[in-house]
Amino acid sequence: MKAETKDFAEVGNGTIDFERIFAARKKAGLKHWFLEQDSSDKDIFESIEMSRNYIAEKKFFYRK
Protein backbone atom coordinates (compact mmCIF):
# COMPACT_ATOMS: atom_id res chain seq x y z
CA MET A 1 0.00 0.00 0.00
CA LYS A 2 1.13 3.52 -0.69
CA ALA A 3 1.53 5.38 2.60
CA GLU A 4 -0.05 8.63 1.49
CA THR A 5 -3.13 7.24 -0.29
CA LYS A 6 -3.59 3.62 0.85
CA ASP A 7 -3.75 2.63 -2.83
CA PHE A 8 -2.11 -0.62 -3.92
CA ALA A 9 1.61 -0.48 -4.67
CA GLU A 10 4.10 -2.86 -6.20
CA VAL A 11 6.05 -5.14 -3.85
CA GLY A 12 8.92 -3.11 -2.42
CA ASN A 13 7.29 0.24 -3.19
CA GLY A 14 4.77 0.46 -0.38
CA THR A 15 4.43 0.30 3.38
CA ILE A 16 4.56 -3.48 3.88
CA ASP A 17 7.96 -4.70 5.12
CA PHE A 18 8.52 -7.59 2.71
CA GLU A 19 12.16 -7.97 3.79
CA ARG A 20 10.99 -8.84 7.30
CA ILE A 21 8.27 -11.15 6.02
CA PHE A 22 10.57 -13.09 3.70
CA ALA A 23 13.34 -13.19 6.32
CA ALA A 24 11.01 -15.42 8.38
CA ARG A 25 10.00 -17.63 5.45
CA LYS A 26 11.98 -20.73 6.51
CA LYS A 27 10.92 -20.48 10.16
CA ALA A 28 7.29 -20.09 9.06
CA GLY A 29 7.56 -23.03 6.65
CA LEU A 30 6.81 -20.98 3.53
CA LYS A 31 7.03 -23.25 0.51
CA HIS A 32 5.10 -21.29 -2.12
CA TRP A 33 4.21 -17.67 -2.66
CA PHE A 34 2.05 -15.97 -5.23
CA LEU A 35 2.33 -12.53 -6.73
CA GLU A 36 -0.93 -10.65 -7.05
CA GLN A 37 -1.66 -7.09 -8.11
CA ASP A 38 -5.27 -6.10 -7.48
CA SER A 39 -5.09 -2.69 -9.10
CA SER A 40 -2.46 -0.20 -10.15
CA ASP A 41 -1.93 3.29 -11.47
CA LYS A 42 0.28 1.63 -14.13
CA ASP A 43 -0.32 -1.08 -16.68
CA ILE A 44 -1.14 -4.15 -14.56
CA PHE A 45 1.53 -6.28 -16.26
CA GLU A 46 4.16 -3.58 -15.68
CA SER A 47 3.21 -3.59 -11.99
CA ILE A 48 3.49 -7.37 -11.76
CA GLU A 49 6.88 -7.28 -13.47
CA MET A 50 8.11 -4.58 -11.06
CA SER A 51 7.05 -6.69 -8.07
CA ARG A 52 8.58 -9.85 -9.50
CA ASN A 53 11.85 -8.06 -10.26
CA TYR A 54 12.03 -6.71 -6.70
CA ILE A 55 11.51 -10.20 -5.26
CA ALA A 56 14.15 -11.68 -7.60
CA GLU A 57 16.64 -8.88 -6.88
CA LYS A 58 16.28 -9.42 -3.12
CA LYS A 59 16.53 -13.19 -3.61
CA PHE A 60 13.37 -13.79 -1.58
CA PHE A 61 12.87 -17.10 -3.33
CA TYR A 62 14.90 -20.23 -2.82
CA ARG A 63 15.15 -23.61 -4.42
CA LYS A 64 15.88 -26.94 -2.75
C-alpha atoms as a PDB file:
ATOM      1  CA  MET A   1       0.000   0.000   0.000  1.00  0.00           C
ATOM      2  CA  LYS A   2       1.125   3.520  -0.685  1.00  0.00           C
ATOM      3  CA  ALA A   3       1.527   5.377   2.600  1.00  0.00           C
ATOM      4  CA  GLU A   4      -0.050   8.626   1.486  1.00  0.00           C
ATOM      5  CA  THR A   5      -3.128   7.242  -0.291  1.00  0.00           C
ATOM      6  CA  LYS A   6      -3.587   3.620   0.852  1.00  0.00           C
ATOM      7  CA  ASP A   7      -3.746   2.629  -2.834  1.00  0.00           C
ATOM      8  CA  PHE A   8      -2.111  -0.617  -3.920  1.00  0.00           C
ATOM      9  CA  ALA A   9       1.606  -0.481  -4.668  1.00  0.00           C
ATOM     10  CA  GLU A  10       4.102  -2.861  -6.201  1.00  0.00           C
ATOM     11  CA  VAL A  11       6.053  -5.142  -3.854  1.00  0.00           C
ATOM     12  CA  GLY A  12       8.919  -3.108  -2.422  1.00  0.00           C
ATOM     13  CA  ASN A  13       7.288   0.238  -3.187  1.00  0.00           C
ATOM     14  CA  GLY A  14       4.770   0.459  -0.377  1.00  0.00           C
ATOM     15  CA  THR A  15       4.428   0.302   3.384  1.00  0.00           C
ATOM     16  CA  ILE A  16       4.559  -3.482   3.879  1.00  0.00           C
ATOM     17  CA  ASP A  17       7.958  -4.703   5.117  1.00  0.00           C
ATOM     18  CA  PHE A  18       8.523  -7.591   2.707  1.00  0.00           C
ATOM     19  CA  GLU A  19      12.163  -7.973   3.792  1.00  0.00           C
ATOM     20  CA  ARG A  20      10.989  -8.839   7.302  1.00  0.00           C
ATOM     21  CA  ILE A  21       8.271 -11.152   6.016  1.00  0.00           C
ATOM     22  CA  PHE A  22      10.568 -13.093   3.699  1.00  0.00           C
ATOM     23  CA  ALA A  23      13.339 -13.194   6.324  1.00  0.00           C
ATOM     24  CA  ALA A  24      11.008 -15.417   8.376  1.00  0.00           C
ATOM     25  CA  ARG A  25      10.005 -17.634   5.450  1.00  0.00           C
ATOM     26  CA  LYS A  26      11.977 -20.729   6.510  1.00  0.00           C
ATOM     27  CA  LYS A  27      10.923 -20.480  10.159  1.00  0.00           C
ATOM     28  CA  ALA A  28       7.293 -20.089   9.063  1.00  0.00           C
ATOM     29  CA  GLY A  29       7.557 -23.026   6.649  1.00  0.00           C
ATOM     30  CA  LEU A  30       6.812 -20.978   3.530  1.00  0.00           C
ATOM     31  CA  LYS A  31       7.027 -23.246   0.512  1.00  0.00           C
ATOM     32  CA  HIS A  32       5.102 -21.294  -2.120  1.00  0.00           C
ATOM     33  CA  TRP A  33       4.212 -17.671  -2.658  1.00  0.00           C
ATOM     34  CA  PHE A  34       2.051 -15.971  -5.228  1.00  0.00           C
ATOM     35  CA  LEU A  35       2.335 -12.531  -6.730  1.00  0.00           C
ATOM     36  CA  GLU A  36      -0.932 -10.653  -7.046  1.00  0.00           C
ATOM     37  CA  GLN A  37      -1.657  -7.087  -8.110  1.00  0.00           C
ATOM     38  CA  ASP A  38      -5.273  -6.103  -7.480  1.00  0.00           C
ATOM     39  CA  SER A  39      -5.091  -2.689  -9.101  1.00  0.00           C
ATOM     40  CA  SER A  40      -2.457  -0.204 -10.150  1.00  0.00           C
ATOM     41  CA  ASP A  41      -1.935   3.287 -11.474  1.00  0.00           C
ATOM     42  CA  LYS A  42       0.281   1.630 -14.126  1.00  0.00           C
ATOM     43  CA  ASP A  43      -0.320  -1.085 -16.681  1.00  0.00           C
ATOM     44  CA  ILE A  44      -1.135  -4.155 -14.562  1.00  0.00           C
ATOM     45  CA  PHE A  45       1.527  -6.283 -16.259  1.00  0.00           C
ATOM     46  CA  GLU A  46       4.155  -3.583 -15.675  1.00  0.00           C
ATOM     47  CA  SER A  47       3.212  -3.594 -11.986  1.00  0.00           C
ATOM     48  CA  ILE A  48       3.493  -7.374 -11.757  1.00  0.00           C
ATOM     49  CA  GLU A  49       6.880  -7.280 -13.470  1.00  0.00           C
ATOM     50  CA  MET A  50       8.108  -4.582 -11.063  1.00  0.00           C
ATOM     51  CA  SER A  51       7.054  -6.685  -8.070  1.00  0.00           C
ATOM     52  CA  ARG A  52       8.581  -9.850  -9.501  1.00  0.00           C
ATOM     53  CA  ASN A  53      11.853  -8.064 -10.258  1.00  0.00           C
ATOM     54  CA  TYR A  54      12.028  -6.712  -6.698  1.00  0.00           C
ATOM     55  CA  ILE A  55      11.509 -10.203  -5.262  1.00  0.00           C
ATOM     56  CA  ALA A  56      14.146 -11.677  -7.600  1.00  0.00           C
ATOM     57  CA  GLU A  57      16.639  -8.881  -6.879  1.00  0.00           C
ATOM     58  CA  LYS A  58      16.279  -9.417  -3.123  1.00  0.00           C
ATOM     59  CA  LYS A  59      16.530 -13.187  -3.614  1.00  0.00           C
ATOM     60  CA  PHE A  60      13.371 -13.786  -1.583  1.00  0.00           C
ATOM     61  CA  PHE A  61      12.866 -17.098  -3.331  1.00  0.00           C
ATOM     62  CA  TYR A  62      14.901 -20.226  -2.825  1.00  0.00           C
ATOM     63  CA  ARG A  63      15.145 -23.609  -4.421  1.00  0.00           C
ATOM     64  CA  LYS A  64      15.884 -26.940  -2.749  1.00  0.00           C
END
